[in-house]
Amino acid sequence: MYKMAIEFDVSVMFHSENTYAPVGKVKYSHPLHINDLAIDYPYLKIVICHVGNP
């Protein structure tokens, strides 16, 4: 999917804040987890949405 996004020159968006679900774990929404993806796909356009909490 990421290679296709690069090929078609489109951005990939990730939600990175609290979840609406009471069972959602905030630890999985930390933007640092996207770092590996950015390193592996340096030409991928990444948009991190709603950065701020925690």
N, C-alpha and C. Protein backbone atom coordinates (compact mmCIF):
# COMPACT_ATOMS: atom_id res chain seq x y z
N MET A 1 0.83 -1.17 0.00
CA MET A 1 0.00 0.00 0.00
C MET A 1 0.88 1.25 0.00
N TYR A 2 1.95 1.24 0.77
CA TYR A 2 2.82 2.42 0.84
C TYR A 2 3.55 2.65 -0.48
N LYS A 3 3.97 1.58 -1.12
CA LYS A 3 4.63 1.71 -2.42
C LYS A 3 3.65 2.28 -3.45
N MET A 4 2.40 1.87 -3.37
CA MET A 4 1.39 2.38 -4.29
C MET A 4 1.13 3.86 -4.03
N ALA A 5 1.13 4.26 -2.77
CA ALA A 5 0.94 5.68 -2.45
C ALA A 5 2.07 6.52 -3.02
N ILE A 6 3.29 6.01 -2.96
CA ILE A 6 4.43 6.71 -3.55
C ILE A 6 4.27 6.78 -5.06
N GLU A 7 3.91 5.66 -5.66
CA GLU A 7 3.76 5.60 -7.11
C GLU A 7 2.72 6.59 -7.63
N PHE A 8 1.60 6.70 -6.92
CA PHE A 8 0.51 7.58 -7.35
C PHE A 8 0.59 8.97 -6.73
N ASP A 9 1.67 9.23 -5.98
CA ASP A 9 1.92 10.54 -5.39
C ASP A 9 0.77 11.03 -4.52
N VAL A 10 0.33 10.14 -3.63
CA VAL A 10 -0.72 10.52 -2.67
C VAL A 10 -0.19 10.39 -1.25
N SER A 11 -0.80 11.10 -0.35
CA SER A 11 -0.40 11.08 1.05
C SER A 11 -1.10 9.95 1.80
N VAL A 12 -0.48 9.54 2.90
CA VAL A 12 -1.08 8.56 3.80
C VAL A 12 -1.29 9.27 5.14
N MET A 13 -2.50 9.19 5.67
CA MET A 13 -2.82 9.89 6.91
C MET A 13 -2.95 8.90 8.07
N PHE A 14 -2.44 9.32 9.22
CA PHE A 14 -2.53 8.53 10.45
C PHE A 14 -3.14 9.38 11.55
N HIS A 15 -4.08 8.81 12.25
CA HIS A 15 -4.69 9.48 13.39
C HIS A 15 -3.80 9.24 14.61
N SER A 16 -3.44 10.31 15.30
CA SER A 16 -2.49 10.17 16.40
C SER A 16 -2.93 10.98 17.61
N GLU A 17 -3.97 10.56 18.25
CA GLU A 17 -4.43 11.21 19.48
C GLU A 17 -5.31 10.22 20.21
N ASN A 18 -6.05 10.72 21.18
CA ASN A 18 -6.96 9.85 21.92
C ASN A 18 -7.96 9.20 20.97
N THR A 19 -8.41 8.04 21.34
CA THR A 19 -9.43 7.35 20.57
C THR A 19 -10.79 7.60 21.20
N TYR A 20 -11.82 7.49 20.40
CA TYR A 20 -13.18 7.67 20.91
C TYR A 20 -13.64 6.46 21.71
N ALA A 21 -13.00 5.32 21.48
CA ALA A 21 -13.42 4.07 22.13
C ALA A 21 -12.83 3.99 23.53
N PRO A 22 -13.62 3.65 24.52
CA PRO A 22 -13.11 3.55 25.88
C PRO A 22 -12.07 2.44 26.07
N VAL A 23 -12.02 1.49 25.15
CA VAL A 23 -11.03 0.41 25.27
C VAL A 23 -9.80 0.67 24.40
N GLY A 24 -9.79 1.80 23.68
CA GLY A 24 -8.65 2.15 22.84
C GLY A 24 -7.44 2.50 23.69
N LYS A 25 -6.29 2.01 23.30
CA LYS A 25 -5.07 2.25 24.07
C LYS A 25 -4.28 3.41 23.46
N VAL A 26 -4.10 4.45 24.24
CA VAL A 26 -3.43 5.65 23.78
C VAL A 26 -1.97 5.37 23.40
N LYS A 27 -1.36 4.35 24.01
CA LYS A 27 0.05 4.08 23.73
C LYS A 27 0.28 3.74 22.26
N TYR A 28 -0.73 3.25 21.57
CA TYR A 28 -0.58 2.92 20.15
C TYR A 28 -0.77 4.12 19.24
N SER A 29 -1.15 5.25 19.79
CA SER A 29 -1.38 6.43 18.95
C SER A 29 -0.22 7.42 19.03
N HIS A 30 0.87 7.06 19.69
CA HIS A 30 2.01 7.97 19.80
C HIS A 30 2.65 8.13 18.43
N PRO A 31 2.94 9.37 18.01
CA PRO A 31 3.50 9.58 16.67
C PRO A 31 4.89 8.99 16.47
N LEU A 32 5.59 8.66 17.54
CA LEU A 32 6.92 8.08 17.40
C LEU A 32 6.88 6.74 16.67
N HIS A 33 5.77 6.04 16.73
CA HIS A 33 5.64 4.76 16.04
C HIS A 33 5.69 4.90 14.52
N ILE A 34 5.45 6.09 14.02
CA ILE A 34 5.46 6.32 12.57
C ILE A 34 6.89 6.52 12.08
N ASN A 35 7.82 6.71 12.98
CA ASN A 35 9.22 6.93 12.62
C ASN A 35 9.78 5.79 11.77
N ASP A 36 9.54 4.54 12.15
CA ASP A 36 10.04 3.40 11.38
C ASP A 36 9.51 3.43 9.95
N LEU A 37 8.26 3.76 9.80
CA LEU A 37 7.65 3.85 8.47
C LEU A 37 8.32 4.94 7.64
N ALA A 38 8.57 6.08 8.26
CA ALA A 38 9.21 7.19 7.56
C ALA A 38 10.63 6.84 7.12
N ILE A 39 11.33 6.07 7.93
CA ILE A 39 12.69 5.64 7.58
C ILE A 39 12.65 4.61 6.44
N ASP A 40 11.72 3.67 6.52
CA ASP A 40 11.62 2.62 5.51
C ASP A 40 11.13 3.13 4.16
N TYR A 41 10.32 4.19 4.17
CA TYR A 41 9.76 4.75 2.94
C TYR A 41 10.02 6.26 2.91
N PRO A 42 11.23 6.66 2.60
CA PRO A 42 11.59 8.08 2.68
C PRO A 42 10.82 8.98 1.69
N TYR A 43 10.25 8.42 0.64
CA TYR A 43 9.51 9.24 -0.33
C TYR A 43 8.01 9.22 -0.08
N LEU A 44 7.58 8.54 0.96
CA LEU A 44 6.16 8.49 1.31
C LEU A 44 5.75 9.81 1.96
N LYS A 45 4.65 10.36 1.49
CA LYS A 45 4.11 11.58 2.08
C LYS A 45 3.22 11.17 3.25
N ILE A 46 3.65 11.50 4.45
CA ILE A 46 2.94 11.11 5.67
C ILE A 46 2.33 12.34 6.32
N VAL A 47 1.06 12.23 6.66
CA VAL A 47 0.35 13.27 7.39
C VAL A 47 -0.08 12.67 8.72
N ILE A 48 0.39 13.25 9.81
CA ILE A 48 -0.01 12.80 11.15
C ILE A 48 -1.09 13.75 11.64
N CYS A 49 -2.29 13.24 11.80
CA CYS A 49 -3.44 14.06 12.17
C CYS A 49 -3.66 14.08 13.68
N HIS A 50 -4.03 15.22 14.18
CA HIS A 50 -4.42 15.41 15.57
C HIS A 50 -3.29 15.11 16.56
N VAL A 51 -2.08 15.46 16.21
CA VAL A 51 -0.97 15.27 17.16
C VAL A 51 -1.20 16.18 18.35
N GLY A 52 -0.99 15.70 19.52
CA GLY A 52 -1.11 16.58 20.68
C GLY A 52 -1.33 15.85 21.98
N ASN A 53 -2.02 14.77 21.97
CA ASN A 53 -2.30 14.09 23.23
C ASN A 53 -1.99 12.61 23.05
N PRO A 54 -1.20 12.03 23.81
CA PRO A 54 -0.66 12.45 25.10
C PRO A 54 0.56 13.32 24.94
